[in-house]
Amino acid sequence: MTARDPNVGIVCTHVWQSLSPVMHNAAYREMGVNLRYGIFEVPELLSEDVRKEFFDAFLRMQSEIGIVGMSVTMPFKEDITTSIEVRAMSKSATEIGAANTLSNLVSGRWYADNTDWVGVVESIEEAGVAIDGKTALVIGAGGTARAVAYGLGKRKAHQVIVANRTEANAVSLASDLQPVLDRTHVNPYGLEHIFPRVDEGGINLAKNADIVFNTTLIGQDG
């Protein structure tokens, strides 16, 4: 590495979306912190097995070249929790089953944390929206959806409805999170229940929700 190479950065497949380097580097300059935030672009990997194998090798390489921290985006947030390169995880990352932040330990292995859920609930509360007792609809069932549902549960939402194209993934999310969110009901559905056709009947989940989150790639530029 040279003195101008990044030593922290964001792992992503959609590089055009990220404003993280602009924001982080401006903050580092203002604070006098000797860090340089860059983009670690990775290819689209459709096979889950190939993706996980790639991610393990990627983390090992980043540690070897002196990268000290990374922000992690889709689709790697859940892969972090099973990576052989991760030495330890925070309580929130363990309970959520996904992480978005990696810190390089002295041992050469990584420590995983999840700060997504804090950002979600704080942004809602700053907007003056109460979560306690509300019903929320979360569209998607990946790592971001897990963090959103977890955060809502920690702020005592009455119900979190998880709707996903593959209903089995929504069921898995609900099964994993329900034991740690004892005051919140986590209910999984297929995506077709969000706006059901009139002639099919069924539950209109969007109509019944006080808060709606889209955690999928739909709506992103690119």
Foldseek 3Di string as FASTA:
>chain_A
DDLQDFQEEEEEACVVQDPVQVVVVVVCVVVVNSGHYDYDHDHDDDDPVVVLVVVLVVLLVSLVVRRFKYFYDPPCFLSQLVHPLADEEDPVCVLLNGFGMWGQDPVSGIYTYHPLLVVLVVVCVVVVHQLAQFEEEEEDQHSNSSSVVLSSLVSHHAEYEYEYQPQVSLVVSQVSNCVVSVRYRYHTDYNCQCDPDPVVDHHNRVVRGPYYHYPDCPPPDD
